[in-house]
Structure formats: structure tokens, C-alpha cells
Amino acid sequence: MTLIKEPDYGTPAADSEQIVELQIDGQPVKVPAGTSVMRAAALAGFSIPKLCATDSLEAFGSCRLCLVEIEGGRGTPASCTTPVAAGMKVKTQTPKLEKLRRGVMELYISDHPLDCLTCPANGDCELQDMAGVVGLREVRYGFDGENHLDAPTDSSNPYFDFDESKCIACSRCVRACSEVQGTFALTIAGRGFDSKVSASAGELFFSIPSVFPAVPASRPARPRRCRKNRSSTSVCRLVRSSPLARTVASAVPSRPKCAATSWCAWCRTRTAGRTKAIPA
């Protein structure tokens, strides 16, 4: 079987009959009103770097990598949270934007383990890909200051290990848990430099039953139904939902597959919904 990866436009499609015309890098583009600048650019064939954005979730604007310039506008807004407007003129590639994006990525990498060659996500990692896209070749800040490189790994859950040192706190998994699952089991604990993904305030991932409710191995787990997609799912494979997630969490296939169940449909929307299998 061969997998065909479908494009990710960054933000969901707008449900509007009104059409707005704008210019992106000098090219006229027509999209429905309410469409984000990021999605409009993607539909027109322009690629804007992103880390936290995906069209399976609402725009969040936390990574600040998708900055653009808008003629007559102030600053460099995030394209994922900026809606299009009639007559808008957008620039996605300028020397100023290139410098800003490299600076943002440099900050991410300065607090990230440099073990790409031994990382399970090597070659299939969004952070790695985006570093290449923005042209990052070196990190000026060094690694001697305060960082998360020695952050502990949470191995409490029988299905995955959460490596906090590789998490960039983009909130993608937290938003999937609330918007797709509807369970609100995950959150971002702490603020600023201390922000981290957590199952609850200071709890381990296995401590919250709504994430992976345990059942006896002798009794088969009964799949729940996702309230949004109405689809049955078995063991939640959130950690395999995207290359970025696999950078942070690694699945443990040797552990039993019938010891827990979840109604998480995030994996389905990111894999089965994003790929199509065709005969080889």
C-alpha cells in the first residue's frame, strides 16, 4: 500500500458564501470571507512556516513562526489568526520576515536536545523541517543558561513516554483533547518559562482516568465514541498523531494493547483523515 499525504492548510475552512479578493506576494487570490491568511496562502500555493497550526484545529497563534507583512498594517501578525480582508496585500517572504522567523526558531532550538540522529522522529519531524525551511544553521545563545534539557520523562502511562525536554508547548495536543475529544483532560500547567503539558496540575499522565481509563487486561476494552466525529476508536494513539508529537512522545508497542481505551479521535483525524491508501 502507498500513502498519499494530503496538504494541511493550517486552519479550518471558512463557512461563508461571500468571496473576498486579496493579493498574496503579488498574486490575486479569492477565498471565502473569514478564511485565515495562512489558509489563503496555502490554497494559492504559498507555503508559510508553522508549528502549532493545523486545519484540524482552530487557530491558536502560539508558535509565532507564521508571521507575515500586510501593506498598511502594523507589525508582523500571525497569519493563522489573521482573517483576510478585501484589497489586502500580503507578503509572506521578505528579508525582515526571514530574520524574524530564524530568530523565533533559534529560541526553540536553544532549549531543545540536539539528538536528531538518535531521535525516533528523525527525518519525519516538523521542528526539524521548519528549522530547515527558515534557514537556521546555528544557535547563537549557547546552552549554558536555564533550560529544559534535563526535564524528566513521564513514563507512567503504559502506552507512551512523554519526553518533556522535547516539548515546545505548542498546545496542539491540549487543543485536540478539548476540540476533538471533548474531554478536556490535558492542560498547559504553569506560565511563561514554566509552561508544560500536563494531565492535571502536577499529575502524571496515568493519574487521570479520562486520558487512558484502565480496565483489567482479561476484559477487552470497549471503544468509546468521539462526540465530534461519531467514530469508534480504540486505544488513543495521540503520540502518533503527527511528526511533532512523535518527537515528544514515543509509543511503547511491547506493552499490552487491551489494557486501556480512549475516545480520542485526534489520531484518526491526523492519519486516516489526512492520508489515503491506494494499491501499490
Protein backbone atom coordinates (compact mmCIF):
# COMPACT_ATOMS: atom_id res chain seq x y z
CA MET A 1 0.00 0.00 0.00
CA THR A 2 1.13 3.54 -0.76
CA LEU A 3 0.16 6.51 1.36
CA ILE A 4 -0.71 9.82 -0.26
CA LYS A 5 -0.31 12.68 2.20
CA GLU A 6 -2.88 15.40 1.78
CA PRO A 7 -1.88 19.03 2.42
CA ASP A 8 -2.51 20.72 5.74
CA TYR A 9 -3.83 24.23 5.12
CA GLY A 10 -3.10 25.39 8.68
CA THR A 11 -6.58 26.46 9.73
CA PRO A 12 -10.12 25.13 9.11
CA ALA A 13 -12.08 26.19 6.05
CA ALA A 14 -14.41 29.17 6.44
CA ASP A 15 -18.11 28.52 6.01
CA SER A 16 -19.16 31.60 4.05
CA GLU A 17 -20.70 32.31 0.67
CA GLN A 18 -19.11 35.75 0.49
CA ILE A 19 -15.90 35.82 -1.57
CA VAL A 20 -13.01 38.11 -0.67
CA GLU A 21 -10.26 39.06 -3.12
CA LEU A 22 -6.75 39.94 -1.92
CA GLN A 23 -3.16 39.78 -3.09
CA ILE A 24 -0.54 37.42 -1.68
CA ASP A 25 3.00 38.07 -2.88
CA GLY A 26 1.55 39.95 -5.83
CA GLN A 27 -0.79 37.17 -6.90
CA PRO A 28 -4.58 37.73 -6.78
CA VAL A 29 -6.38 35.23 -4.55
CA LYS A 30 -10.10 34.68 -3.96
CA VAL A 31 -11.28 32.88 -0.83
CA PRO A 32 -14.42 32.80 1.33
CA ALA A 33 -14.74 35.55 3.92
CA GLY A 34 -13.35 34.51 7.29
CA THR A 35 -10.52 32.47 5.79
CA SER A 36 -7.19 32.96 7.51
CA VAL A 37 -4.28 34.50 5.65
CA MET A 38 -2.38 31.24 6.22
CA ARG A 39 -5.06 29.11 4.57
CA ALA A 40 -5.50 31.58 1.71
CA ALA A 41 -1.75 31.46 1.06
CA ALA A 42 -1.70 27.67 1.18
CA LEU A 43 -4.62 27.44 -1.26
CA ALA A 44 -2.71 29.75 -3.61
CA GLY A 45 0.41 27.61 -3.41
CA PHE A 46 2.42 29.72 -0.96
CA SER A 47 3.95 27.87 1.98
CA ILE A 48 4.17 29.71 5.31
CA PRO A 49 6.24 28.06 8.07
CA LYS A 50 4.17 26.85 11.03
CA LEU A 51 4.43 24.64 14.10
CA CYS A 52 1.25 24.98 16.16
CA ALA A 53 -1.23 25.36 13.30
CA THR A 54 -3.21 22.56 11.65
CA ASP A 55 -6.51 22.64 9.77
CA SER A 56 -7.96 20.04 12.14
CA LEU A 57 -7.99 22.62 14.95
CA GLU A 58 -8.95 26.24 15.42
CA ALA A 59 -6.17 28.81 15.02
CA PHE A 60 -4.13 29.44 18.14
CA GLY A 61 -1.13 31.56 17.16
CA SER A 62 1.35 30.40 19.79
CA CYS A 63 4.43 29.45 17.78
CA ARG A 64 4.86 32.87 16.09
CA LEU A 65 6.59 31.26 13.14
CA CYS A 66 3.90 32.12 10.58
CA LEU A 67 4.44 35.88 10.67
CA VAL A 68 3.55 37.91 7.56
CA GLU A 69 3.63 41.54 6.46
CA ILE A 70 0.43 43.32 5.46
CA GLU A 71 0.67 46.53 3.46
CA GLY A 72 -0.62 49.42 5.55
CA GLY A 73 -0.81 47.26 8.68
CA ARG A 74 1.22 47.44 11.86
CA GLY A 75 3.80 44.88 12.86
CA THR A 76 4.02 41.33 11.59
CA PRO A 77 0.84 39.47 12.59
CA ALA A 78 0.49 35.70 12.75
CA SER A 79 -1.09 34.54 9.50
CA CYS A 80 -3.07 31.75 11.22
CA THR A 81 -5.10 34.15 13.37
CA THR A 82 -5.41 36.98 10.82
CA PRO A 83 -8.54 36.82 8.64
CA VAL A 84 -8.42 38.01 5.04
CA ALA A 85 -9.92 41.33 4.04
CA ALA A 86 -10.91 42.79 0.68
CA GLY A 87 -8.00 44.53 -1.01
CA MET A 88 -5.47 43.20 1.49
CA LYS A 89 -1.89 42.93 0.20
CA VAL A 90 0.15 40.28 1.99
CA LYS A 91 3.84 39.48 1.79
CA THR A 92 4.93 36.07 3.00
CA GLN A 93 8.61 36.20 2.03
CA THR A 94 10.73 39.27 2.81
CA PRO A 95 14.20 39.73 4.37
CA LYS A 96 12.53 41.07 7.53
CA LEU A 97 10.28 38.01 7.86
CA GLU A 98 13.18 35.64 7.19
CA LYS A 99 15.19 37.24 10.01
CA LEU A 100 12.27 37.15 12.45
CA ARG A 101 11.45 33.51 11.68
CA ARG A 102 15.07 32.43 12.12
CA GLY A 103 15.13 34.26 15.43
CA VAL A 104 11.98 32.51 16.64
CA MET A 105 13.26 29.10 15.56
CA GLU A 106 16.64 29.82 17.14
CA LEU A 107 14.93 30.31 20.50
CA TYR A 108 13.12 26.97 20.14
CA ILE A 109 16.30 25.09 19.24
CA SER A 110 18.30 26.74 22.03
CA ASP A 111 16.09 24.87 24.50
CA HIS A 112 15.83 21.60 22.60
CA PRO A 113 18.01 18.45 22.78
CA LEU A 114 20.36 18.16 19.80
CA ASP A 115 19.96 14.41 19.40
CA CYS A 116 18.33 14.32 15.97
CA LEU A 117 20.41 11.38 14.77
CA THR A 118 19.14 9.13 17.58
CA CYS A 119 15.64 10.62 17.88
CA PRO A 120 12.76 8.33 16.74
CA ALA A 121 11.31 11.22 14.73
CA ASN A 122 14.50 11.95 12.80
CA GLY A 123 13.63 12.61 9.17
CA ASP A 124 9.91 12.92 9.96
CA CYS A 125 9.92 15.84 12.39
CA GLU A 126 8.12 19.13 11.89
CA LEU A 127 10.55 21.02 14.13
CA GLN A 128 13.46 19.69 12.09
CA ASP A 129 11.69 20.53 8.84
CA MET A 130 10.83 24.08 9.88
CA ALA A 131 14.39 24.74 11.05
CA GLY A 132 15.48 23.90 7.52
CA VAL A 133 12.73 25.97 5.92
CA VAL A 134 13.69 29.15 7.79
CA GLY A 135 17.37 28.54 7.08
CA LEU A 136 18.59 28.10 10.65
CA ARG A 137 22.23 26.99 10.62
CA GLU A 138 23.48 27.92 14.08
CA VAL A 139 22.29 28.89 17.55
CA ARG A 140 23.96 31.98 18.98
CA TYR A 141 22.66 31.70 22.54
CA GLY A 142 24.50 28.58 23.70
CA PHE A 143 23.10 26.05 26.16
CA ASP A 144 24.58 27.26 29.46
CA GLY A 145 21.58 29.25 30.68
CA GLU A 146 18.39 27.99 32.27
CA ASN A 147 16.66 25.43 30.06
CA HIS A 148 14.51 22.30 29.97
CA LEU A 149 17.12 19.95 28.53
CA ASP A 150 17.19 17.87 31.72
CA ALA A 151 13.42 17.81 32.16
CA PRO A 152 12.20 14.38 33.34
CA THR A 153 10.43 11.87 31.10
CA ASP A 154 6.98 10.80 32.25
CA SER A 155 6.75 7.02 31.77
CA SER A 156 3.73 6.50 34.00
CA ASN A 157 1.37 5.66 31.13
CA PRO A 158 1.60 2.12 29.73
CA TYR A 159 1.26 3.33 26.15
CA PHE A 160 3.73 6.16 25.75
CA ASP A 161 6.62 8.01 27.33
CA PHE A 162 6.30 11.81 27.43
CA ASP A 163 9.68 13.48 26.94
CA GLU A 164 9.17 16.95 28.39
CA SER A 165 12.59 18.13 27.21
CA LYS A 166 11.42 17.92 23.57
CA CYS A 167 8.04 19.57 24.04
CA ILE A 168 7.75 23.13 22.67
CA ALA A 169 4.41 23.76 24.44
CA CYS A 170 2.57 24.49 21.19
CA SER A 171 -0.69 23.32 22.84
CA ARG A 172 -1.66 21.23 19.80
CA CYS A 173 -2.33 18.12 21.87
CA VAL A 174 -4.21 20.14 24.51
CA ARG A 175 -6.45 21.70 21.87
CA ALA A 176 -7.05 18.32 20.22
CA CYS A 177 -8.10 16.94 23.59
CA SER A 178 -10.69 19.69 24.03
CA GLU A 179 -11.81 20.40 20.45
CA VAL A 180 -11.75 16.86 19.01
CA GLN A 181 -12.08 14.57 22.02
CA GLY A 182 -14.18 16.91 24.10
CA THR A 183 -12.69 15.51 27.32
CA PHE A 184 -10.54 18.48 28.40
CA ALA A 185 -8.19 16.02 30.08
CA LEU A 186 -4.97 17.83 29.11
CA THR A 187 -3.88 21.33 30.00
CA ILE A 188 -0.89 23.65 29.98
CA ALA A 189 0.38 23.91 33.55
CA GLY A 190 2.47 26.86 34.68
CA ARG A 191 3.17 30.13 32.93
CA GLY A 192 5.94 31.52 30.77
CA PHE A 193 9.17 29.56 31.04
CA ASP A 194 7.50 27.02 33.37
CA SER A 195 4.69 26.15 30.93
CA LYS A 196 4.33 22.45 30.19
CA VAL A 197 1.74 19.94 29.01
CA SER A 198 0.12 18.17 31.92
CA ALA A 199 -2.74 15.77 32.51
CA SER A 200 -3.66 17.89 35.54
CA ALA A 201 -1.99 20.21 37.99
CA GLY A 202 1.26 18.41 38.70
CA GLU A 203 -0.22 14.97 37.99
CA LEU A 204 1.31 12.16 35.93
CA PHE A 205 -0.40 11.18 32.69
CA PHE A 206 -1.58 7.88 34.13
CA SER A 207 -3.26 9.67 37.05
CA ILE A 208 -6.19 10.97 35.01
CA PRO A 209 -8.65 8.17 34.02
CA SER A 210 -10.24 10.29 31.28
CA VAL A 211 -6.99 10.18 29.31
CA PHE A 212 -6.44 6.42 29.45
CA PRO A 213 -9.07 4.75 31.67
CA ALA A 214 -7.59 1.44 32.78
CA VAL A 215 -9.52 -1.83 32.62
CA PRO A 216 -8.41 -5.34 33.53
CA ALA A 217 -6.33 -6.96 30.79
CA SER A 218 -8.60 -10.01 30.95
CA ARG A 219 -11.59 -7.91 29.95
CA PRO A 220 -11.45 -6.41 26.43
CA ALA A 221 -11.65 -2.66 26.36
CA ARG A 222 -14.89 -1.27 24.99
CA PRO A 223 -14.24 1.52 22.47
CA ARG A 224 -15.98 4.83 23.14
CA ARG A 225 -17.37 7.13 20.51
CA CYS A 226 -15.88 10.50 19.74
CA ARG A 227 -18.61 13.07 20.32
CA LYS A 228 -17.46 15.20 17.38
CA ASN A 229 -16.69 12.63 14.68
CA ARG A 230 -19.08 9.88 15.89
CA SER A 231 -16.43 7.28 15.19
CA SER A 232 -15.33 4.39 17.36
CA THR A 233 -11.69 4.47 18.37
CA SER A 234 -9.73 2.03 20.48
CA VAL A 235 -6.52 2.85 22.30
CA CYS A 236 -5.68 6.54 21.90
CA ARG A 237 -2.66 6.99 19.64
CA LEU A 238 -2.23 10.70 20.26
CA VAL A 239 1.52 10.28 20.39
CA ARG A 240 1.49 9.08 16.78
CA SER A 241 -0.75 11.87 15.54
CA SER A 242 1.97 13.95 13.90
CA PRO A 243 5.72 14.09 13.42
CA LEU A 244 5.88 16.84 16.05
CA ALA A 245 4.02 14.69 18.56
CA ARG A 246 6.30 11.74 17.87
CA THR A 247 9.26 13.98 18.66
CA VAL A 248 7.84 14.50 22.14
CA ALA A 249 6.31 11.10 22.88
CA SER A 250 7.33 7.64 21.85
CA ALA A 251 4.89 4.75 21.77
CA VAL A 252 5.76 1.52 23.53
CA PRO A 253 4.47 -1.27 21.26
CA SER A 254 5.60 -4.06 23.58
CA ARG A 255 3.07 -3.09 26.24
CA PRO A 256 -0.43 -4.65 26.21
CA LYS A 257 -2.89 -3.18 23.73
CA CYS A 258 -6.03 -4.15 25.61
CA ALA A 259 -5.34 -2.55 28.98
CA ALA A 260 -6.82 0.87 28.25
CA THR A 261 -9.26 2.61 25.99
CA SER A 262 -9.99 6.16 24.99
CA TRP A 263 -12.42 8.06 22.81
CA CYS A 264 -9.69 10.22 21.30
CA ALA A 265 -10.21 10.76 17.56
CA TRP A 266 -7.18 13.02 17.13
CA CYS A 267 -5.09 10.22 15.69
CA ARG A 268 -7.84 9.38 13.20
CA THR A 269 -8.17 12.98 12.03
CA ARG A 270 -4.41 13.34 11.61
CA THR A 271 -3.69 9.98 9.95
CA ALA A 272 -6.72 8.28 8.42
CA GLY A 273 -8.25 11.67 7.67
CA ARG A 274 -5.01 13.01 6.19
CA THR A 275 -3.88 10.02 4.16
CA LYS A 276 -5.40 7.71 1.60
CA ALA A 277 -4.28 4.19 0.96
CA ILE A 278 -4.11 3.06 -2.65
CA PRO A 279 -2.95 -0.27 -4.08
CA ALA A 280 0.79 -0.41 -4.80
